[in-house]
Full PDB file with SEQRES, HELIX, SHEET, SSBOND, CRYST1, ORIGX, SCALE, CONECT and MASTER records, all heavy atoms in Angstrom:
SEQRES   1 A   41  TYR ILE HIS GLN ARG GLY GLU LYS LEU PRO GLN PHE LEU          
SEQRES   2 A   41  LEU PRO ASN ASP VAL ASP CYS PRO TRP ASP SER ARG ALA          
SEQRES   3 A   41  GLN PHE LEU ALA ALA SER SER SER SER GLU MET LYS GLN          
SEQRES   4 A   41  LEU ARG                                                      
HELIX    1 AA1 GLN A   11  LEU A   13  5                                   3    
HELIX    2 AA2 ARG A   25  ALA A   30  1                                   6    
HELIX    3 AA3 SER A   35  LEU A   40  1                                   6    
CRYST1    1.000    1.000    1.000  90.00  90.00  90.00 P 1           1          
ORIGX1      1.000000  0.000000  0.000000        0.00000                         
ORIGX2      0.000000  1.000000  0.000000        0.00000                         
ORIGX3      0.000000  0.000000  1.000000        0.00000                         
SCALE1      1.000000  0.000000  0.000000        0.00000                         
SCALE2      0.000000  1.000000  0.000000        0.00000                         
SCALE3      0.000000  0.000000  1.000000        0.00000                         
ATOM      1  N   TYR A   1     -69.403  21.504 -19.525  1.00  0.00           N  
ATOM      2  CA  TYR A   1     -70.470  20.633 -20.012  1.00  0.00           C  
ATOM      3  C   TYR A   1     -71.194  21.266 -21.200  1.00  0.00           C  
ATOM      4  O   TYR A   1     -71.421  20.624 -22.237  1.00  0.00           O  
ATOM      5  CB  TYR A   1     -71.451  20.333 -18.877  1.00  0.00           C  
ATOM      6  CG  TYR A   1     -72.712  19.676 -19.372  1.00  0.00           C  
ATOM      7  CD1 TYR A   1     -72.692  18.377 -19.856  1.00  0.00           C  
ATOM      8  CD2 TYR A   1     -73.922  20.372 -19.390  1.00  0.00           C  
ATOM      9  CE1 TYR A   1     -73.839  17.774 -20.334  1.00  0.00           C  
ATOM     10  CE2 TYR A   1     -75.068  19.781 -19.865  1.00  0.00           C  
ATOM     11  CZ  TYR A   1     -75.028  18.479 -20.342  1.00  0.00           C  
ATOM     12  OH  TYR A   1     -76.160  17.899 -20.823  1.00  0.00           O  
ATOM     13  N   ILE A   2     -71.568  22.534 -21.056  1.00  0.00           N  
ATOM     14  CA  ILE A   2     -72.302  23.209 -22.128  1.00  0.00           C  
ATOM     15  C   ILE A   2     -71.444  23.282 -23.393  1.00  0.00           C  
ATOM     16  O   ILE A   2     -71.937  23.056 -24.509  1.00  0.00           O  
ATOM     17  CB  ILE A   2     -72.735  24.611 -21.666  1.00  0.00           C  
ATOM     18  CG1 ILE A   2     -73.820  24.487 -20.571  1.00  0.00           C  
ATOM     19  CG2 ILE A   2     -73.254  25.434 -22.836  1.00  0.00           C  
ATOM     20  CD1 ILE A   2     -74.241  25.817 -19.967  1.00  0.00           C  
ATOM     21  N   HIS A   3     -70.157  23.575 -23.233  1.00  0.00           N  
ATOM     22  CA  HIS A   3     -69.244  23.615 -24.378  1.00  0.00           C  
ATOM     23  C   HIS A   3     -69.129  22.237 -25.022  1.00  0.00           C  
ATOM     24  O   HIS A   3     -69.122  22.109 -26.259  1.00  0.00           O  
ATOM     25  CB  HIS A   3     -67.882  24.118 -23.922  1.00  0.00           C  
ATOM     26  CG  HIS A   3     -66.897  24.325 -25.027  1.00  0.00           C  
ATOM     27  ND1 HIS A   3     -67.051  25.280 -26.010  1.00  0.00           N  
ATOM     28  CD2 HIS A   3     -65.727  23.682 -25.314  1.00  0.00           C  
ATOM     29  CE1 HIS A   3     -66.039  25.225 -26.842  1.00  0.00           C  
ATOM     30  NE2 HIS A   3     -65.222  24.263 -26.455  1.00  0.00           N  
ATOM     31  N   GLN A   4     -69.075  21.197 -24.190  1.00  0.00           N  
ATOM     32  CA  GLN A   4     -68.981  19.825 -24.689  1.00  0.00           C  
ATOM     33  C   GLN A   4     -70.224  19.432 -25.477  1.00  0.00           C  
ATOM     34  O   GLN A   4     -70.137  18.641 -26.425  1.00  0.00           O  
ATOM     35  CB  GLN A   4     -68.784  18.871 -23.507  1.00  0.00           C  
ATOM     36  CG  GLN A   4     -68.457  17.442 -23.893  1.00  0.00           C  
ATOM     37  CD  GLN A   4     -68.215  16.579 -22.675  1.00  0.00           C  
ATOM     38  OE1 GLN A   4     -68.724  16.857 -21.589  1.00  0.00           O  
ATOM     39  NE2 GLN A   4     -67.437  15.533 -22.833  1.00  0.00           N  
ATOM     40  N   ARG A   5     -71.352  20.004 -25.128  1.00  0.00           N  
ATOM     41  CA  ARG A   5     -72.592  19.717 -25.856  1.00  0.00           C  
ATOM     42  C   ARG A   5     -72.713  20.527 -27.149  1.00  0.00           C  
ATOM     43  O   ARG A   5     -73.723  20.433 -27.848  1.00  0.00           O  
ATOM     44  CB  ARG A   5     -73.793  20.018 -24.947  1.00  0.00           C  
ATOM     45  CG  ARG A   5     -74.010  18.994 -23.839  1.00  0.00           C  
ATOM     46  CD  ARG A   5     -74.478  17.642 -24.359  1.00  0.00           C  
ATOM     47  NE  ARG A   5     -75.708  17.731 -25.082  1.00  0.00           N  
ATOM     48  CZ  ARG A   5     -76.916  17.643 -24.529  1.00  0.00           C  
ATOM     49  NH1 ARG A   5     -77.041  17.473 -23.216  1.00  0.00           N  
ATOM     50  NH2 ARG A   5     -78.003  17.721 -25.268  1.00  0.00           N  
ATOM     51  N   GLY A   6     -71.686  21.327 -27.466  1.00  0.00           N  
ATOM     52  CA  GLY A   6     -71.657  22.026 -28.738  1.00  0.00           C  
ATOM     53  C   GLY A   6     -72.199  23.438 -28.722  1.00  0.00           C  
ATOM     54  O   GLY A   6     -72.298  24.074 -29.775  1.00  0.00           O  
ATOM     55  N   GLU A   7     -72.529  23.947 -27.540  1.00  0.00           N  
ATOM     56  CA  GLU A   7     -73.041  25.319 -27.441  1.00  0.00           C  
ATOM     57  C   GLU A   7     -71.878  26.307 -27.450  1.00  0.00           C  
ATOM     58  O   GLU A   7     -70.866  26.100 -26.783  1.00  0.00           O  
ATOM     59  CB  GLU A   7     -73.845  25.478 -26.148  1.00  0.00           C  
ATOM     60  CG  GLU A   7     -74.601  26.782 -26.035  1.00  0.00           C  
ATOM     61  CD  GLU A   7     -75.823  26.840 -26.923  1.00  0.00           C  
ATOM     62  OE1 GLU A   7     -76.342  25.768 -27.315  1.00  0.00           O  
ATOM     63  OE2 GLU A   7     -76.257  27.972 -27.227  1.00  0.00           O  
ATOM     64  N   LYS A   8     -72.033  27.384 -28.204  1.00  0.00           N  
ATOM     65  CA  LYS A   8     -70.989  28.402 -28.290  1.00  0.00           C  
ATOM     66  C   LYS A   8     -70.996  29.250 -27.028  1.00  0.00           C  
ATOM     67  O   LYS A   8     -72.046  29.743 -26.605  1.00  0.00           O  
ATOM     68  CB  LYS A   8     -71.207  29.281 -29.515  1.00  0.00           C  
ATOM     69  CG  LYS A   8     -70.098  30.294 -29.753  1.00  0.00           C  
ATOM     70  CD  LYS A   8     -70.334  31.076 -31.036  1.00  0.00           C  
ATOM     71  CE  LYS A   8     -69.226  32.091 -31.271  1.00  0.00           C  
ATOM     72  NZ  LYS A   8     -69.450  32.867 -32.515  1.00  0.00           N  
ATOM     73  N   LEU A   9     -69.834  29.425 -26.418  1.00  0.00           N  
ATOM     74  CA  LEU A   9     -69.708  30.251 -25.227  1.00  0.00           C  
ATOM     75  C   LEU A   9     -69.381  31.689 -25.615  1.00  0.00           C  
ATOM     76  O   LEU A   9     -68.682  31.921 -26.603  1.00  0.00           O  
ATOM     77  CB  LEU A   9     -68.601  29.723 -24.303  1.00  0.00           C  
ATOM     78  CG  LEU A   9     -68.665  28.279 -23.833  1.00  0.00           C  
ATOM     79  CD1 LEU A   9     -67.528  28.003 -22.854  1.00  0.00           C  
ATOM     80  CD2 LEU A   9     -69.997  27.964 -23.196  1.00  0.00           C  
ATOM     81  N   PRO A  10     -69.857  32.675 -24.831  1.00  0.00           N  
ATOM     82  CA  PRO A  10     -69.393  34.050 -25.046  1.00  0.00           C  
ATOM     83  C   PRO A  10     -67.869  34.109 -24.978  1.00  0.00           C  
ATOM     84  O   PRO A  10     -67.249  33.386 -24.197  1.00  0.00           O  
ATOM     85  CB  PRO A  10     -70.027  34.811 -23.880  1.00  0.00           C  
ATOM     86  CG  PRO A  10     -71.245  34.014 -23.521  1.00  0.00           C  
ATOM     87  CD  PRO A  10     -70.852  32.576 -23.749  1.00  0.00           C  
ATOM     88  N   GLN A  11     -67.280  34.975 -25.782  1.00  0.00           N  
ATOM     89  CA  GLN A  11     -65.832  35.007 -25.910  1.00  0.00           C  
ATOM     90  C   GLN A  11     -65.132  35.203 -24.568  1.00  0.00           C  
ATOM     91  O   GLN A  11     -64.089  34.587 -24.311  1.00  0.00           O  
ATOM     92  CB  GLN A  11     -65.425  36.128 -26.881  1.00  0.00           C  
ATOM     93  CG  GLN A  11     -63.959  36.104 -27.271  1.00  0.00           C  
ATOM     94  CD  GLN A  11     -63.565  34.852 -28.044  1.00  0.00           C  
ATOM     95  OE1 GLN A  11     -64.357  34.339 -28.843  1.00  0.00           O  
ATOM     96  NE2 GLN A  11     -62.356  34.346 -27.804  1.00  0.00           N  
ATOM     97  N   PHE A  12     -65.691  36.021 -23.691  1.00  0.00           N  
ATOM     98  CA  PHE A  12     -64.999  36.294 -22.432  1.00  0.00           C  
ATOM     99  C   PHE A  12     -65.057  35.112 -21.465  1.00  0.00           C  
ATOM    100  O   PHE A  12     -64.393  35.123 -20.429  1.00  0.00           O  
ATOM    101  CB  PHE A  12     -65.550  37.567 -21.769  1.00  0.00           C  
ATOM    102  CG  PHE A  12     -66.815  37.385 -20.976  1.00  0.00           C  
ATOM    103  CD1 PHE A  12     -66.774  37.248 -19.591  1.00  0.00           C  
ATOM    104  CD2 PHE A  12     -68.052  37.367 -21.606  1.00  0.00           C  
ATOM    105  CE1 PHE A  12     -67.935  37.100 -18.858  1.00  0.00           C  
ATOM    106  CE2 PHE A  12     -69.211  37.211 -20.882  1.00  0.00           C  
ATOM    107  CZ  PHE A  12     -69.162  37.082 -19.505  1.00  0.00           C  
ATOM    108  N   LEU A  13     -65.835  34.076 -21.799  1.00  0.00           N  
ATOM    109  CA  LEU A  13     -65.887  32.868 -20.975  1.00  0.00           C  
ATOM    110  C   LEU A  13     -64.916  31.793 -21.468  1.00  0.00           C  
ATOM    111  O   LEU A  13     -64.900  30.694 -20.924  1.00  0.00           O  
ATOM    112  CB  LEU A  13     -67.300  32.295 -20.948  1.00  0.00           C  
ATOM    113  CG  LEU A  13     -68.361  33.140 -20.245  1.00  0.00           C  
ATOM    114  CD1 LEU A  13     -69.710  32.451 -20.320  1.00  0.00           C  
ATOM    115  CD2 LEU A  13     -67.972  33.397 -18.796  1.00  0.00           C  
ATOM    116  N   LEU A  14     -64.130  32.096 -22.481  1.00  0.00           N  
ATOM    117  CA  LEU A  14     -63.129  31.151 -22.986  1.00  0.00           C  
ATOM    118  C   LEU A  14     -61.756  31.508 -22.429  1.00  0.00           C  
ATOM    119  O   LEU A  14     -61.385  32.681 -22.418  1.00  0.00           O  
ATOM    120  CB  LEU A  14     -63.098  31.179 -24.513  1.00  0.00           C  
ATOM    121  CG  LEU A  14     -64.388  30.738 -25.205  1.00  0.00           C  
ATOM    122  CD1 LEU A  14     -64.304  31.007 -26.697  1.00  0.00           C  
ATOM    123  CD2 LEU A  14     -64.650  29.254 -24.953  1.00  0.00           C  
ATOM    124  N   PRO A  15     -60.957  30.553 -21.960  1.00  0.00           N  
ATOM    125  CA  PRO A  15     -61.279  29.131 -21.798  1.00  0.00           C  
ATOM    126  C   PRO A  15     -62.368  28.934 -20.751  1.00  0.00           C  
ATOM    127  O   PRO A  15     -62.602  29.810 -19.918  1.00  0.00           O  
ATOM    128  CB  PRO A  15     -59.950  28.532 -21.330  1.00  0.00           C  
ATOM    129  CG  PRO A  15     -59.289  29.654 -20.615  1.00  0.00           C  
ATOM    130  CD  PRO A  15     -59.651  30.890 -21.370  1.00  0.00           C  
ATOM    131  N   ASN A  16     -63.017  27.774 -20.787  1.00  0.00           N  
ATOM    132  CA  ASN A  16     -64.196  27.611 -19.935  1.00  0.00           C  
ATOM    133  C   ASN A  16     -63.879  27.285 -18.478  1.00  0.00           C  
ATOM    134  O   ASN A  16     -64.782  26.977 -17.715  1.00  0.00           O  
ATOM    135  CB  ASN A  16     -65.166  26.575 -20.525  1.00  0.00           C  
ATOM    136  CG  ASN A  16     -64.499  25.250 -20.832  1.00  0.00           C  
ATOM    137  OD1 ASN A  16     -63.640  24.799 -20.094  1.00  0.00           O  
ATOM    138  ND2 ASN A  16     -64.904  24.636 -21.928  1.00  0.00           N  
ATOM    139  N   ASP A  17     -62.622  27.365 -18.085  1.00  0.00           N  
ATOM    140  CA  ASP A  17     -62.271  27.285 -16.667  1.00  0.00           C  
ATOM    141  C   ASP A  17     -61.823  28.649 -16.146  1.00  0.00           C  
ATOM    142  O   ASP A  17     -61.130  28.754 -15.138  1.00  0.00           O  
ATOM    143  CB  ASP A  17     -61.182  26.237 -16.413  1.00  0.00           C  
ATOM    144  CG  ASP A  17     -59.900  26.528 -17.181  1.00  0.00           C  
ATOM    145  OD1 ASP A  17     -59.909  27.444 -18.022  1.00  0.00           O  
ATOM    146  OD2 ASP A  17     -58.898  25.823 -16.942  1.00  0.00           O  
ATOM    147  N   VAL A  18     -62.231  29.716 -16.854  1.00  0.00           N  
ATOM    148  CA  VAL A  18     -61.827  31.067 -16.496  1.00  0.00           C  
ATOM    149  C   VAL A  18     -62.397  31.452 -15.127  1.00  0.00           C  
ATOM    150  O   VAL A  18     -63.479  30.994 -14.739  1.00  0.00           O  
ATOM    151  CB  VAL A  18     -62.300  32.062 -17.583  1.00  0.00           C  
ATOM    152  CG1 VAL A  18     -63.823  32.151 -17.628  1.00  0.00           C  
ATOM    153  CG2 VAL A  18     -61.699  33.435 -17.373  1.00  0.00           C  
ATOM    154  N   ASP A  19     -61.649  32.280 -14.397  1.00  0.00           N  
ATOM    155  CA  ASP A  19     -62.141  32.790 -13.115  1.00  0.00           C  
ATOM    156  C   ASP A  19     -63.165  33.899 -13.357  1.00  0.00           C  
ATOM    157  O   ASP A  19     -63.192  34.539 -14.419  1.00  0.00           O  
ATOM    158  CB  ASP A  19     -60.983  33.363 -12.289  1.00  0.00           C  
ATOM    159  CG  ASP A  19     -60.018  32.290 -11.811  1.00  0.00           C  
ATOM    160  OD1 ASP A  19     -60.487  31.263 -11.298  1.00  0.00           O  
ATOM    161  OD2 ASP A  19     -58.796  32.485 -11.969  1.00  0.00           O  
ATOM    162  N   CYS A  20     -63.983  34.137 -12.361  1.00  0.00           N  
ATOM    163  CA  CYS A  20     -64.953  35.226 -12.430  1.00  0.00           C  
ATOM    164  C   CYS A  20     -64.204  36.549 -12.638  1.00  0.00           C  
ATOM    165  O   CYS A  20     -63.288  36.875 -11.872  1.00  0.00           O  
ATOM    166  CB  CYS A  20     -65.770  35.272 -11.140  1.00  0.00           C  
ATOM    167  SG  CYS A  20     -66.975  36.610 -11.090  1.00  0.00           S  
ATOM    168  N   PRO A  21     -64.545  37.334 -13.657  1.00  0.00           N  
ATOM    169  CA  PRO A  21     -63.797  38.556 -13.946  1.00  0.00           C  
ATOM    170  C   PRO A  21     -64.095  39.710 -12.993  1.00  0.00           C  
ATOM    171  O   PRO A  21     -63.387  40.719 -13.012  1.00  0.00           O  
ATOM    172  CB  PRO A  21     -64.234  38.904 -15.372  1.00  0.00           C  
ATOM    173  CG  PRO A  21     -65.593  38.304 -15.507  1.00  0.00           C  
ATOM    174  CD  PRO A  21     -65.561  37.056 -14.682  1.00  0.00           C  
ATOM    175  N   TRP A  22     -65.142  39.583 -12.184  1.00  0.00           N  
ATOM    176  CA  TRP A  22     -65.470  40.625 -11.215  1.00  0.00           C  
ATOM    177  C   TRP A  22     -64.951  40.201  -9.847  1.00  0.00           C  
ATOM    178  O   TRP A  22     -65.264  39.123  -9.351  1.00  0.00           O  
ATOM    179  CB  TRP A  22     -66.976  40.867 -11.190  1.00  0.00           C  
ATOM    180  CG  TRP A  22     -67.474  41.305 -12.539  1.00  0.00           C  
ATOM    181  CD1 TRP A  22     -67.345  42.545 -13.104  1.00  0.00           C  
ATOM    182  CD2 TRP A  22     -68.146  40.498 -13.519  1.00  0.00           C  
ATOM    183  NE1 TRP A  22     -67.898  42.565 -14.361  1.00  0.00           N  
ATOM    184  CE2 TRP A  22     -68.404  41.317 -14.647  1.00  0.00           C  
ATOM    185  CE3 TRP A  22     -68.569  39.161 -13.559  1.00  0.00           C  
ATOM    186  CZ2 TRP A  22     -69.050  40.857 -15.787  1.00  0.00           C  
ATOM    187  CZ3 TRP A  22     -69.208  38.695 -14.682  1.00  0.00           C  
ATOM    188  CH2 TRP A  22     -69.440  39.539 -15.793  1.00  0.00           C  
ATOM    189  N   ASP A  23     -64.174  41.051  -9.231  1.00  0.00           N  
ATOM    190  CA  ASP A  23     -63.432  40.687  -8.031  1.00  0.00           C  
ATOM    191  C   ASP A  23     -64.243  40.774  -6.752  1.00  0.00           C  
ATOM    192  O   ASP A  23     -63.853  40.216  -5.732  1.00  0.00           O  
ATOM    193  CB  ASP A  23     -62.194  41.596  -7.910  1.00  0.00           C  
ATOM    194  CG  ASP A  23     -61.195  41.065  -6.886  1.00  0.00           C  
ATOM    195  OD1 ASP A  23     -60.788  39.901  -7.023  1.00  0.00           O  
ATOM    196  OD2 ASP A  23     -60.859  41.823  -5.959  1.00  0.00           O  
ATOM    197  N   SER A  24     -65.370  41.462  -6.783  1.00  0.00           N  
ATOM    198  CA  SER A  24     -66.166  41.660  -5.576  1.00  0.00           C  
ATOM    199  C   SER A  24     -67.629  41.850  -5.960  1.00  0.00           C  
ATOM    200  O   SER A  24     -67.966  42.088  -7.129  1.00  0.00           O  
ATOM    201  CB  SER A  24     -65.682  42.896  -4.813  1.00  0.00           C  
ATOM    202  OG  SER A  24     -65.932  44.074  -5.576  1.00  0.00           O  
ATOM    203  N   ARG A  25     -68.492  41.774  -4.959  1.00  0.00           N  
ATOM    204  CA  ARG A  25     -69.916  42.011  -5.199  1.00  0.00           C  
ATOM    205  C   ARG A  25     -70.146  43.428  -5.716  1.00  0.00           C  
ATOM    206  O   ARG A  25     -70.975  43.645  -6.608  1.00  0.00           O  
ATOM    207  CB  ARG A  25     -70.707  41.773  -3.918  1.00  0.00           C  
ATOM    208  CG  ARG A  25     -72.220  41.948  -4.091  1.00  0.00           C  
ATOM    209  CD  ARG A  25     -72.966  41.509  -2.852  1.00  0.00           C  
ATOM    210  NE  ARG A  25     -74.400  41.532  -3.069  1.00  0.00           N  
ATOM    211  CZ  ARG A  25     -75.203  42.549  -2.703  1.00  0.00           C  
ATOM    212  NH1 ARG A  25     -74.687  43.607  -2.078  1.00  0.00           N  
ATOM    213  NH2 ARG A  25     -76.498  42.499  -2.930  1.00  0.00           N  
ATOM    214  N   ALA A  26     -69.407  44.393  -5.164  1.00  0.00           N  
ATOM    215  CA  ALA A  26     -69.567  45.780  -5.609  1.00  0.00           C  
ATOM    216  C   ALA A  26     -69.242  45.919  -7.092  1.00  0.00           C  
ATOM    217  O   ALA A  26     -69.982  46.584  -7.843  1.00  0.00           O  
ATOM    218  CB  ALA A  26     -68.678  46.697  -4.780  1.00  0.00           C  
ATOM    219  N   GLN A  27     -68.150  45.294  -7.545  1.00  0.00           N  
ATOM    220  CA  GLN A  27     -67.789  45.337  -8.965  1.00  0.00           C  
ATOM    221  C   GLN A  27     -68.854  44.650  -9.817  1.00  0.00           C  
ATOM    222  O   GLN A  27     -69.208  45.117 -10.901  1.00  0.00           O  
ATOM    223  CB  GLN A  27     -66.435  44.680  -9.184  1.00  0.00           C  
ATOM    224  CG  GLN A  27     -65.240  45.479  -8.720  1.00  0.00           C  
ATOM    225  CD  GLN A  27     -63.928  44.811  -9.110  1.00  0.00           C  
ATOM    226  OE1 GLN A  27     -63.903  43.860  -9.890  1.00  0.00           O  
ATOM    227  NE2 GLN A  27     -62.821  45.302  -8.560  1.00  0.00           N  
ATOM    228  N   PHE A  28     -69.334  43.522  -9.325  1.00  0.00           N  
ATOM    229  CA  PHE A  28     -70.339  42.737 -10.048  1.00  0.00           C  
ATOM    230  C   PHE A  28     -71.613  43.564 -10.244  1.00  0.00           C  
ATOM    231  O   PHE A  28     -72.158  43.634 -11.353  1.00  0.00           O  
ATOM    232  CB  PHE A  28     -70.634  41.461  -9.258  1.00  0.00           C  
ATOM    233  CG  PHE A  28     -71.552  40.491  -9.931  1.00  0.00           C  
ATOM    234  CD1 PHE A  28     -71.068  39.540 -10.808  1.00  0.00           C  
ATOM    235  CD2 PHE A  28     -72.925  40.510  -9.671  1.00  0.00           C  
ATOM    236  CE1 PHE A  28     -71.913  38.624 -11.425  1.00  0.00           C  
ATOM    237  CE2 PHE A  28     -73.780  39.600 -10.275  1.00  0.00           C  
ATOM    238  CZ  PHE A  28     -73.274  38.656 -11.155  1.00  0.00           C  
ATOM    239  N   LEU A  29     -72.089  44.200  -9.181  1.00  0.00           N  
ATOM    240  CA  LEU A  29     -73.306  45.004  -9.276  1.00  0.00           C  
ATOM    241  C   LEU A  29     -73.096  46.226 -10.167  1.00  0.00           C  
ATOM    242  O   LEU A  29     -73.994  46.613 -10.924  1.00  0.00           O  
ATOM    243  CB  LEU A  29     -73.753  45.431  -7.883  1.00  0.00           C  
ATOM    244  CG  LEU A  29     -74.194  44.297  -6.942  1.00  0.00           C  
ATOM    245  CD1 LEU A  29     -74.580  44.862  -5.582  1.00  0.00           C  
ATOM    246  CD2 LEU A  29     -75.354  43.505  -7.537  1.00  0.00           C  
ATOM    247  N   ALA A  30     -71.914  46.822 -10.080  1.00  0.00           N  
ATOM    248  CA  ALA A  30     -71.619  47.989 -10.913  1.00  0.00           C  
ATOM    249  C   ALA A  30     -71.610  47.634 -12.396  1.00  0.00           C  
ATOM    250  O   ALA A  30     -71.864  48.487 -13.252  1.00  0.00           O  
ATOM    251  CB  ALA A  30     -70.279  48.598 -10.508  1.00  0.00           C  
ATOM    252  N   ALA A  31     -71.335  46.370 -12.713  1.00  0.00           N  
ATOM    253  CA  ALA A  31     -71.254  45.911 -14.105  1.00  0.00           C  
ATOM    254  C   ALA A  31     -72.568  45.324 -14.605  1.00  0.00           C  
ATOM    255  O   ALA A  31     -72.598  44.689 -15.664  1.00  0.00           O  
ATOM    256  CB  ALA A  31     -70.144  44.870 -14.239  1.00  0.00           C  
ATOM    257  N   SER A  32     -73.662  45.530 -13.874  1.00  0.00           N  
ATOM    258  CA  SER A  32     -74.920  44.854 -14.198  1.00  0.00           C  
ATOM    259  C   SER A  32     -75.442  45.175 -15.602  1.00  0.00           C  
ATOM    260  O   SER A  32     -76.172  44.370 -16.185  1.00  0.00           O  
ATOM    261  CB  SER A  32     -75.991  45.208 -13.155  1.00  0.00           C  
ATOM    262  OG  SER A  32     -76.228  46.607 -13.149  1.00  0.00           O  
ATOM    263  N   SER A  33     -75.067  46.343 -16.145  1.00  0.00           N  
ATOM    264  CA  SER A  33     -75.518  46.720 -17.489  1.00  0.00           C  
ATOM    265  C   SER A  33     -74.398  46.656 -18.520  1.00  0.00           C  
ATOM    266  O   SER A  33     -74.564  47.135 -19.655  1.00  0.00           O  
ATOM    267  CB  SER A  33     -76.100  48.140 -17.464  1.00  0.00           C  
ATOM    268  OG  SER A  33     -77.231  48.202 -16.622  1.00  0.00           O  
ATOM    269  N   SER A  34     -73.273  46.055 -18.150  1.00  0.00           N  
ATOM    270  CA  SER A  34     -72.133  45.979 -19.064  1.00  0.00           C  
ATOM    271  C   SER A  34     -72.394  44.974 -20.181  1.00  0.00           C  
ATOM    272  O   SER A  34     -73.268  44.111 -20.088  1.00  0.00           O  
ATOM    273  CB  SER A  34     -70.874  45.568 -18.302  1.00  0.00           C  
ATOM    274  OG  SER A  34     -70.992  44.242 -17.827  1.00  0.00           O  
ATOM    275  N   SER A  35     -71.607  45.086 -21.240  1.00  0.00           N  
ATOM    276  CA  SER A  35     -71.729  44.166 -22.368  1.00  0.00           C  
ATOM    277  C   SER A  35     -71.508  42.723 -21.934  1.00  0.00           C  
ATOM    278  O   SER A  35     -72.241  41.815 -22.342  1.00  0.00           O  
ATOM    279  CB  SER A  35     -70.725  44.545 -23.454  1.00  0.00           C  
ATOM    280  OG  SER A  35     -70.695  43.582 -24.481  1.00  0.00           O  
ATOM    281  N   GLU A  36     -70.485  42.493 -21.083  1.00  0.00           N  
ATOM    282  CA  GLU A  36     -70.180  41.126 -20.633  1.00  0.00           C  
ATOM    283  C   GLU A  36     -71.339  40.543 -19.822  1.00  0.00           C  
ATOM    284  O   GLU A  36     -71.690  39.377 -19.990  1.00  0.00           O  
ATOM    285  CB  GLU A  36     -68.901  41.123 -19.791  1.00  0.00           C  
ATOM    286  CG  GLU A  36     -67.625  41.364 -20.585  1.00  0.00           C  
ATOM    287  CD  GLU A  36     -67.378  42.839 -20.835  1.00  0.00           C  
ATOM    288  OE1 GLU A  36     -68.143  43.684 -20.308  1.00  0.00           O  
ATOM    289  OE2 GLU A  36     -66.415  43.151 -21.565  1.00  0.00           O  
ATOM    290  N   MET A  37     -71.920  41.363 -18.946  1.00  0.00           N  
ATOM    291  CA  MET A  37     -73.016  40.852 -18.120  1.00  0.00           C  
ATOM    292  C   MET A  37     -74.244  40.541 -18.969  1.00  0.00           C  
ATOM    293  O   MET A  37     -74.933  39.536 -18.744  1.00  0.00           O  
ATOM    294  CB  MET A  37     -73.361  41.851 -17.028  1.00  0.00           C  
ATOM    295  CG  MET A  37     -74.266  41.285 -15.940  1.00  0.00           C  
ATOM    296  SD  MET A  37     -73.425  40.079 -14.871  1.00  0.00           S  
ATOM    297  CE  MET A  37     -72.437  41.187 -13.838  1.00  0.00           C  
ATOM    298  N   LYS A  38     -74.521  41.376 -19.966  1.00  0.00           N  
ATOM    299  CA  LYS A  38     -75.649  41.104 -20.853  1.00  0.00           C  
ATOM    300  C   LYS A  38     -75.418  39.820 -21.643  1.00  0.00           C  
ATOM    301  O   LYS A  38     -76.343  39.007 -21.817  1.00  0.00           O  
ATOM    302  CB  LYS A  38     -75.865  42.283 -21.803  1.00  0.00           C  
ATOM    303  CG  LYS A  38     -76.414  43.533 -21.115  1.00  0.00           C  
ATOM    304  CD  LYS A  38     -76.538  44.697 -22.096  1.00  0.00           C  
ATOM    305  CE  LYS A  38     -77.066  45.941 -21.410  1.00  0.00           C  
ATOM    306  NZ  LYS A  38     -77.133  47.109 -22.338  1.00  0.00           N  
ATOM    307  N   GLN A  39     -74.182  39.626 -22.122  1.00  0.00           N  
ATOM    308  CA  GLN A  39     -73.857  38.381 -22.826  1.00  0.00           C  
ATOM    309  C   GLN A  39     -74.049  37.180 -21.908  1.00  0.00           C  
ATOM    310  O   GLN A  39     -74.586  36.147 -22.323  1.00  0.00           O  
ATOM    311  CB  GLN A  39     -72.407  38.418 -23.307  1.00  0.00           C  
ATOM    312  CG  GLN A  39     -72.118  39.361 -24.447  1.00  0.00           C  
ATOM    313  CD  GLN A  39     -70.647  39.319 -24.816  1.00  0.00           C  
ATOM    314  OE1 GLN A  39     -70.104  38.255 -25.143  1.00  0.00           O  
ATOM    315  NE2 GLN A  39     -69.984  40.460 -24.756  1.00  0.00           N  
ATOM    316  N   LEU A  40     -73.591  37.313 -20.676  1.00  0.00           N  
ATOM    317  CA  LEU A  40     -73.691  36.223 -19.718  1.00  0.00           C  
ATOM    318  C   LEU A  40     -75.145  35.886 -19.430  1.00  0.00           C  
ATOM    319  O   LEU A  40     -75.538  34.714 -19.418  1.00  0.00           O  
ATOM    320  CB  LEU A  40     -72.955  36.611 -18.430  1.00  0.00           C  
ATOM    321  CG  LEU A  40     -72.976  35.609 -17.279  1.00  0.00           C  
ATOM    322  CD1 LEU A  40     -72.389  34.273 -17.719  1.00  0.00           C  
ATOM    323  CD2 LEU A  40     -72.200  36.170 -16.078  1.00  0.00           C  
ATOM    324  N   ARG A  41     -75.953  36.923 -19.218  1.00  0.00           N  
ATOM    325  CA  ARG A  41     -77.370  36.698 -18.910  1.00  0.00           C  
ATOM    326  C   ARG A  41     -78.092  36.063 -20.088  1.00  0.00           C  
ATOM    327  O   ARG A  41     -78.901  35.134 -19.910  1.00  0.00           O  
ATOM    328  CB  ARG A  41     -78.008  38.032 -18.509  1.00  0.00           C  
ATOM    329  CG  ARG A  41     -79.298  37.891 -17.718  1.00  0.00           C  
ATOM    330  CD  ARG A  41     -79.782  39.246 -17.209  1.00  0.00           C  
ATOM    331  NE  ARG A  41     -78.886  39.776 -16.194  1.00  0.00           N  
ATOM    332  CZ  ARG A  41     -78.245  40.946 -16.278  1.00  0.00           C  
ATOM    333  NH1 ARG A  41     -78.397  41.720 -17.341  1.00  0.00           N  
ATOM    334  NH2 ARG A  41     -77.465  41.352 -15.308  1.00  0.00           N  
TER     335      ARG A  41                                                      
MASTER        0    0    0    3    0    0    0    6  334    1    0    4          
END                                                                             
């Protein structure tokens, strides 16, 4: 929806049906300060 409205997505979210790149909660929390997480936030 956001892409359809013309908003640019972060590169790692393309294509916009991509799966979550973090496989577990532990990985997700460990990546809290990563470049991808900052872009996402």
